[in-house]
N, C-alpha and C. Protein backbone atom coordinates (compact mmCIF):
# COMPACT_ATOMS: atom_id res chain seq x y z
N MET A 1 -237.85 -89.25 172.36
CA MET A 1 -237.44 -90.30 171.45
C MET A 1 -238.43 -91.46 171.59
N THR A 2 -238.86 -91.98 170.48
CA THR A 2 -239.82 -93.07 170.45
C THR A 2 -239.15 -94.34 169.96
N LYS A 3 -239.43 -95.44 170.64
CA LYS A 3 -238.90 -96.72 170.18
C LYS A 3 -239.95 -97.39 169.31
N THR A 4 -239.53 -97.90 168.20
CA THR A 4 -240.40 -98.65 167.31
C THR A 4 -239.80 -100.03 167.13
N VAL A 5 -240.60 -101.05 167.40
CA VAL A 5 -240.13 -102.42 167.22
C VAL A 5 -240.45 -102.85 165.80
N ALA A 6 -239.48 -103.39 165.12
CA ALA A 6 -239.64 -103.87 163.75
C ALA A 6 -239.00 -105.25 163.66
N TYR A 7 -239.03 -105.83 162.48
CA TYR A 7 -238.46 -107.17 162.32
C TYR A 7 -238.03 -107.40 160.88
N HIS A 8 -237.10 -108.33 160.74
CA HIS A 8 -236.69 -108.82 159.43
C HIS A 8 -237.30 -110.21 159.27
N TRP A 9 -237.90 -110.47 158.12
CA TRP A 9 -238.55 -111.74 157.82
C TRP A 9 -237.61 -112.54 156.94
N HIS A 10 -237.16 -113.71 157.38
CA HIS A 10 -236.13 -114.49 156.69
C HIS A 10 -236.66 -115.75 156.01
N LEU A 11 -237.95 -115.81 155.69
CA LEU A 11 -238.48 -117.03 155.09
C LEU A 11 -237.85 -117.32 153.74
N ARG A 12 -237.67 -116.32 152.91
CA ARG A 12 -237.06 -116.53 151.58
C ARG A 12 -235.67 -117.11 151.73
N LYS A 13 -234.88 -116.58 152.65
CA LYS A 13 -233.51 -117.07 152.87
C LYS A 13 -233.53 -118.52 153.36
N VAL A 14 -234.42 -118.83 154.29
CA VAL A 14 -234.52 -120.19 154.83
C VAL A 14 -234.94 -121.16 153.73
N MET A 15 -235.88 -120.74 152.89
CA MET A 15 -236.30 -121.60 151.76
C MET A 15 -235.11 -121.89 150.84
N ASN A 16 -234.34 -120.87 150.50
CA ASN A 16 -233.18 -121.06 149.62
C ASN A 16 -232.15 -121.99 150.24
N GLU A 17 -231.95 -121.88 151.55
CA GLU A 17 -231.00 -122.75 152.24
C GLU A 17 -231.44 -124.22 152.19
N HIS A 18 -232.73 -124.46 152.04
CA HIS A 18 -233.26 -125.82 151.98
C HIS A 18 -233.57 -126.25 150.54
N GLY A 19 -233.12 -125.48 149.57
CA GLY A 19 -233.27 -125.87 148.17
C GLY A 19 -234.65 -125.64 147.58
N ILE A 20 -235.47 -124.83 148.22
CA ILE A 20 -236.79 -124.51 147.67
C ILE A 20 -236.74 -123.07 147.16
N ASN A 21 -236.85 -122.92 145.85
CA ASN A 21 -236.77 -121.60 145.25
C ASN A 21 -238.12 -121.07 144.79
N ALA A 22 -239.03 -121.95 144.46
CA ALA A 22 -240.35 -121.54 143.98
C ALA A 22 -241.34 -121.53 145.14
N THR A 23 -242.10 -120.45 145.25
CA THR A 23 -243.07 -120.35 146.33
C THR A 23 -244.17 -121.41 146.19
N THR A 24 -244.45 -121.82 144.96
CA THR A 24 -245.50 -122.82 144.75
C THR A 24 -245.10 -124.19 145.31
N ASP A 25 -243.80 -124.43 145.48
CA ASP A 25 -243.35 -125.69 146.07
C ASP A 25 -243.71 -125.80 147.55
N LEU A 26 -243.98 -124.66 148.16
CA LEU A 26 -244.31 -124.64 149.58
C LEU A 26 -245.78 -124.99 149.84
N VAL A 27 -246.65 -124.78 148.84
CA VAL A 27 -248.10 -125.01 149.01
C VAL A 27 -248.41 -126.44 149.45
N PRO A 28 -247.92 -127.48 148.77
CA PRO A 28 -248.24 -128.85 149.21
C PRO A 28 -247.60 -129.22 150.55
N LEU A 29 -246.44 -128.66 150.84
CA LEU A 29 -245.79 -128.94 152.12
C LEU A 29 -246.61 -128.39 153.28
N LEU A 30 -247.18 -127.21 153.08
CA LEU A 30 -248.05 -126.63 154.11
C LEU A 30 -249.35 -127.42 154.22
N ALA A 31 -249.91 -127.85 153.08
CA ALA A 31 -251.16 -128.60 153.08
C ALA A 31 -251.00 -129.93 153.83
N GLU A 32 -249.83 -130.56 153.73
CA GLU A 32 -249.56 -131.80 154.46
C GLU A 32 -249.66 -131.59 155.97
N ARG A 33 -249.44 -130.35 156.40
CA ARG A 33 -249.45 -130.03 157.82
C ARG A 33 -250.74 -129.32 158.25
N GLY A 34 -251.75 -129.38 157.36
CA GLY A 34 -253.05 -128.83 157.70
C GLY A 34 -253.22 -127.34 157.47
N VAL A 35 -252.27 -126.71 156.80
CA VAL A 35 -252.36 -125.28 156.50
C VAL A 35 -252.63 -125.15 155.01
N VAL A 36 -253.88 -124.87 154.67
CA VAL A 36 -254.28 -124.78 153.27
C VAL A 36 -254.25 -123.32 152.85
N MET A 37 -253.39 -123.01 151.89
CA MET A 37 -253.25 -121.65 151.38
C MET A 37 -253.14 -121.70 149.86
N THR A 38 -253.60 -120.65 149.19
CA THR A 38 -253.43 -120.57 147.75
C THR A 38 -251.99 -120.20 147.43
N SER A 39 -251.60 -120.41 146.20
CA SER A 39 -250.24 -120.05 145.80
C SER A 39 -250.01 -118.55 145.92
N THR A 40 -251.05 -117.74 145.71
CA THR A 40 -250.93 -116.29 145.84
C THR A 40 -250.69 -115.90 147.30
N GLN A 41 -251.39 -116.53 148.21
CA GLN A 41 -251.20 -116.24 149.63
C GLN A 41 -249.79 -116.63 150.08
N VAL A 42 -249.31 -117.76 149.62
CA VAL A 42 -247.96 -118.21 149.97
C VAL A 42 -246.93 -117.25 149.38
N TYR A 43 -247.15 -116.80 148.16
CA TYR A 43 -246.23 -115.85 147.52
C TYR A 43 -246.12 -114.58 148.37
N ARG A 44 -247.25 -114.08 148.84
CA ARG A 44 -247.23 -112.86 149.65
C ARG A 44 -246.50 -113.07 150.97
N ILE A 45 -246.69 -114.23 151.58
CA ILE A 45 -246.00 -114.53 152.84
C ILE A 45 -244.50 -114.64 152.63
N VAL A 46 -244.09 -115.23 151.51
CA VAL A 46 -242.66 -115.45 151.25
C VAL A 46 -241.97 -114.15 150.84
N THR A 47 -242.57 -113.39 149.96
CA THR A 47 -241.89 -112.22 149.39
C THR A 47 -242.04 -110.95 150.21
N GLY A 48 -243.08 -110.88 151.04
CA GLY A 48 -243.28 -109.68 151.84
C GLY A 48 -242.93 -109.92 153.30
N GLU A 49 -243.20 -108.91 154.10
CA GLU A 49 -243.05 -109.05 155.54
C GLU A 49 -244.45 -109.00 156.14
N PRO A 50 -244.98 -110.15 156.52
CA PRO A 50 -246.36 -110.19 157.00
C PRO A 50 -246.55 -109.39 158.28
N GLU A 51 -247.66 -108.67 158.36
CA GLU A 51 -247.98 -107.93 159.57
C GLU A 51 -248.63 -108.83 160.60
N ARG A 52 -249.37 -109.82 160.13
CA ARG A 52 -250.01 -110.80 161.00
C ARG A 52 -249.60 -112.19 160.52
N LEU A 53 -249.40 -113.08 161.48
CA LEU A 53 -248.96 -114.41 161.12
C LEU A 53 -249.72 -115.43 161.96
N ASN A 54 -250.39 -116.33 161.30
CA ASN A 54 -251.13 -117.39 161.97
C ASN A 54 -250.13 -118.33 162.65
N MET A 55 -250.44 -118.69 163.88
CA MET A 55 -249.53 -119.55 164.63
C MET A 55 -249.40 -120.94 164.01
N ARG A 56 -250.48 -121.45 163.41
CA ARG A 56 -250.39 -122.76 162.73
C ARG A 56 -249.43 -122.67 161.54
N LEU A 57 -249.48 -121.55 160.84
CA LEU A 57 -248.56 -121.35 159.71
C LEU A 57 -247.12 -121.29 160.20
N LEU A 58 -246.88 -120.53 161.27
CA LEU A 58 -245.53 -120.44 161.83
C LEU A 58 -245.03 -121.81 162.28
N ALA A 59 -245.89 -122.57 162.96
CA ALA A 59 -245.50 -123.90 163.41
C ALA A 59 -245.22 -124.82 162.22
N ALA A 60 -246.03 -124.71 161.17
CA ALA A 60 -245.81 -125.54 159.97
C ALA A 60 -244.49 -125.18 159.29
N LEU A 61 -244.20 -123.90 159.18
CA LEU A 61 -242.94 -123.47 158.57
C LEU A 61 -241.74 -123.97 159.38
N CYS A 62 -241.86 -123.89 160.70
CA CYS A 62 -240.78 -124.39 161.56
C CYS A 62 -240.58 -125.89 161.38
N ASP A 63 -241.68 -126.64 161.22
CA ASP A 63 -241.60 -128.08 161.02
C ASP A 63 -241.02 -128.42 159.65
N ILE A 64 -241.47 -127.72 158.62
CA ILE A 64 -240.99 -127.99 157.25
C ILE A 64 -239.48 -127.80 157.15
N PHE A 65 -238.99 -126.70 157.70
CA PHE A 65 -237.57 -126.36 157.54
C PHE A 65 -236.71 -126.74 158.74
N ASP A 66 -237.33 -127.36 159.77
CA ASP A 66 -236.62 -127.76 160.97
C ASP A 66 -235.85 -126.58 161.58
N VAL A 67 -236.59 -125.48 161.77
CA VAL A 67 -236.01 -124.26 162.34
C VAL A 67 -236.89 -123.81 163.51
N THR A 68 -236.44 -122.78 164.20
CA THR A 68 -237.24 -122.17 165.27
C THR A 68 -237.78 -120.84 164.76
N PRO A 69 -238.76 -120.26 165.45
CA PRO A 69 -239.25 -118.95 165.05
C PRO A 69 -238.14 -117.88 164.99
N ASN A 70 -237.11 -118.04 165.84
CA ASN A 70 -235.99 -117.09 165.82
C ASN A 70 -235.24 -117.12 164.49
N ASP A 71 -235.27 -118.24 163.80
CA ASP A 71 -234.61 -118.33 162.49
C ASP A 71 -235.41 -117.62 161.41
N LEU A 72 -236.70 -117.49 161.61
CA LEU A 72 -237.57 -116.85 160.62
C LEU A 72 -237.79 -115.37 160.89
N ILE A 73 -237.85 -115.00 162.17
CA ILE A 73 -238.17 -113.63 162.55
C ILE A 73 -237.01 -113.06 163.36
N GLU A 74 -236.46 -111.93 162.90
CA GLU A 74 -235.39 -111.26 163.62
C GLU A 74 -235.87 -109.89 164.05
N PRO A 75 -236.29 -109.76 165.31
CA PRO A 75 -236.78 -108.46 165.77
C PRO A 75 -235.62 -107.49 166.03
N TYR A 76 -235.91 -106.20 165.88
CA TYR A 76 -234.94 -105.16 166.21
C TYR A 76 -235.70 -103.90 166.62
N VAL A 77 -235.03 -103.01 167.31
CA VAL A 77 -235.63 -101.76 167.74
C VAL A 77 -235.11 -100.65 166.85
N ALA A 78 -236.03 -99.99 166.19
CA ALA A 78 -235.69 -98.85 165.35
C ALA A 78 -236.11 -97.60 166.11
N THR A 79 -235.16 -96.78 166.49
CA THR A 79 -235.50 -95.58 167.24
C THR A 79 -235.73 -94.43 166.28
N SER A 80 -236.65 -93.57 166.63
CA SER A 80 -236.91 -92.39 165.81
C SER A 80 -237.13 -91.21 166.73
N SER A 81 -236.61 -90.09 166.34
CA SER A 81 -236.74 -88.88 167.13
C SER A 81 -237.98 -88.12 166.70
N ARG A 82 -238.73 -87.59 167.64
CA ARG A 82 -239.92 -86.81 167.32
C ARG A 82 -239.54 -85.36 167.08
N ARG A 83 -238.34 -84.98 167.47
CA ARG A 83 -237.90 -83.62 167.36
C ARG A 83 -237.45 -83.30 165.95
N GLY A 84 -237.78 -82.13 165.46
CA GLY A 84 -237.32 -81.71 164.14
C GLY A 84 -238.09 -82.35 163.01
N ARG A 85 -239.14 -83.05 163.33
CA ARG A 85 -239.92 -83.72 162.29
C ARG A 85 -240.82 -82.71 161.60
N LYS A 86 -240.86 -82.73 160.29
CA LYS A 86 -241.73 -81.84 159.54
C LYS A 86 -243.07 -82.53 159.33
N THR A 87 -244.13 -81.77 159.53
CA THR A 87 -245.46 -82.30 159.27
C THR A 87 -246.13 -81.41 158.27
N GLY A 88 -246.90 -82.00 157.39
CA GLY A 88 -247.61 -81.22 156.38
C GLY A 88 -246.70 -80.79 155.26
N THR A 89 -247.25 -79.99 154.36
CA THR A 89 -246.47 -79.55 153.20
C THR A 89 -246.32 -78.05 153.12
N THR A 90 -246.80 -77.32 154.12
CA THR A 90 -246.73 -75.87 154.11
C THR A 90 -245.28 -75.42 154.20
N GLY A 91 -244.89 -74.53 153.28
CA GLY A 91 -243.55 -73.97 153.32
C GLY A 91 -242.47 -74.87 152.78
N THR A 92 -242.80 -75.98 152.20
CA THR A 92 -241.78 -76.87 151.66
C THR A 92 -241.73 -76.72 150.15
N THR A 93 -240.60 -76.93 149.59
CA THR A 93 -240.46 -76.87 148.14
C THR A 93 -240.71 -78.25 147.57
N PRO A 94 -241.32 -78.32 146.38
CA PRO A 94 -241.58 -79.63 145.78
C PRO A 94 -240.27 -80.32 145.42
N PRO A 95 -240.24 -81.64 145.47
CA PRO A 95 -239.01 -82.35 145.13
C PRO A 95 -238.66 -82.16 143.66
N LYS A 96 -237.36 -82.13 143.38
CA LYS A 96 -236.89 -82.00 142.00
C LYS A 96 -237.11 -83.31 141.28
N PRO A 97 -237.46 -83.25 139.99
CA PRO A 97 -237.65 -84.50 139.25
C PRO A 97 -236.34 -85.27 139.14
N SER A 98 -236.45 -86.56 139.17
CA SER A 98 -235.29 -87.43 139.08
C SER A 98 -234.70 -87.36 137.67
N LYS A 99 -233.37 -87.38 137.59
CA LYS A 99 -232.72 -87.36 136.28
C LYS A 99 -232.91 -88.67 135.53
N SER A 100 -233.19 -89.74 136.25
CA SER A 100 -233.36 -91.03 135.60
C SER A 100 -234.80 -91.27 135.15
N ARG A 101 -235.67 -90.29 135.36
CA ARG A 101 -237.07 -90.45 134.97
C ARG A 101 -237.20 -90.28 133.46
N PRO A 102 -237.94 -91.15 132.79
CA PRO A 102 -238.08 -91.05 131.34
C PRO A 102 -238.90 -89.82 130.95
N THR A 103 -238.63 -89.33 129.75
CA THR A 103 -239.39 -88.18 129.25
C THR A 103 -240.56 -88.67 128.43
N ARG A 104 -241.62 -87.88 128.42
CA ARG A 104 -242.83 -88.24 127.72
C ARG A 104 -242.58 -88.20 126.20
N ALA A 105 -243.06 -89.19 125.50
CA ALA A 105 -242.93 -89.26 124.05
C ALA A 105 -243.95 -88.34 123.40
N VAL A 106 -243.56 -87.69 122.32
CA VAL A 106 -244.46 -86.82 121.57
C VAL A 106 -244.64 -87.44 120.19
N ILE A 107 -245.89 -87.71 119.85
CA ILE A 107 -246.18 -88.30 118.53
C ILE A 107 -246.66 -87.19 117.62
N LYS A 108 -245.95 -87.02 116.50
CA LYS A 108 -246.29 -85.97 115.54
C LYS A 108 -246.84 -86.60 114.27
N PRO A 109 -247.78 -85.92 113.62
CA PRO A 109 -248.31 -86.47 112.37
C PRO A 109 -247.23 -86.49 111.28
N ALA A 110 -247.38 -87.40 110.34
CA ALA A 110 -246.41 -87.52 109.25
C ALA A 110 -246.37 -86.20 108.47
N GLY A 111 -245.19 -85.81 108.08
CA GLY A 111 -245.01 -84.60 107.29
C GLY A 111 -244.53 -83.43 108.14
N ASP A 112 -244.50 -83.55 109.42
CA ASP A 112 -244.01 -82.44 110.28
C ASP A 112 -242.54 -82.58 110.54
């Protein structure tokens, strides 16, 4: 059995709790604290789960929202078993198409 450490990123929730809903509102607040980022970079940090996080950014976020890193990052251990794991595609059947998948449109010439 292998342990994998993962985390939940709660920046979006913390922003909502402080009345900030637009990611662009965070750009000037970070700039005031010496962290200059584009609105696209801030959007990615807010909406995704960053794999790497600059410590100055983390400190600025903690200062802006008056929180600790524990409020932003919730680590957990996700265990996974190595036993019974399938590797490769040999001997497997292809997945069935989803019933909710749209069908391809067919355009016919006028008169047919």
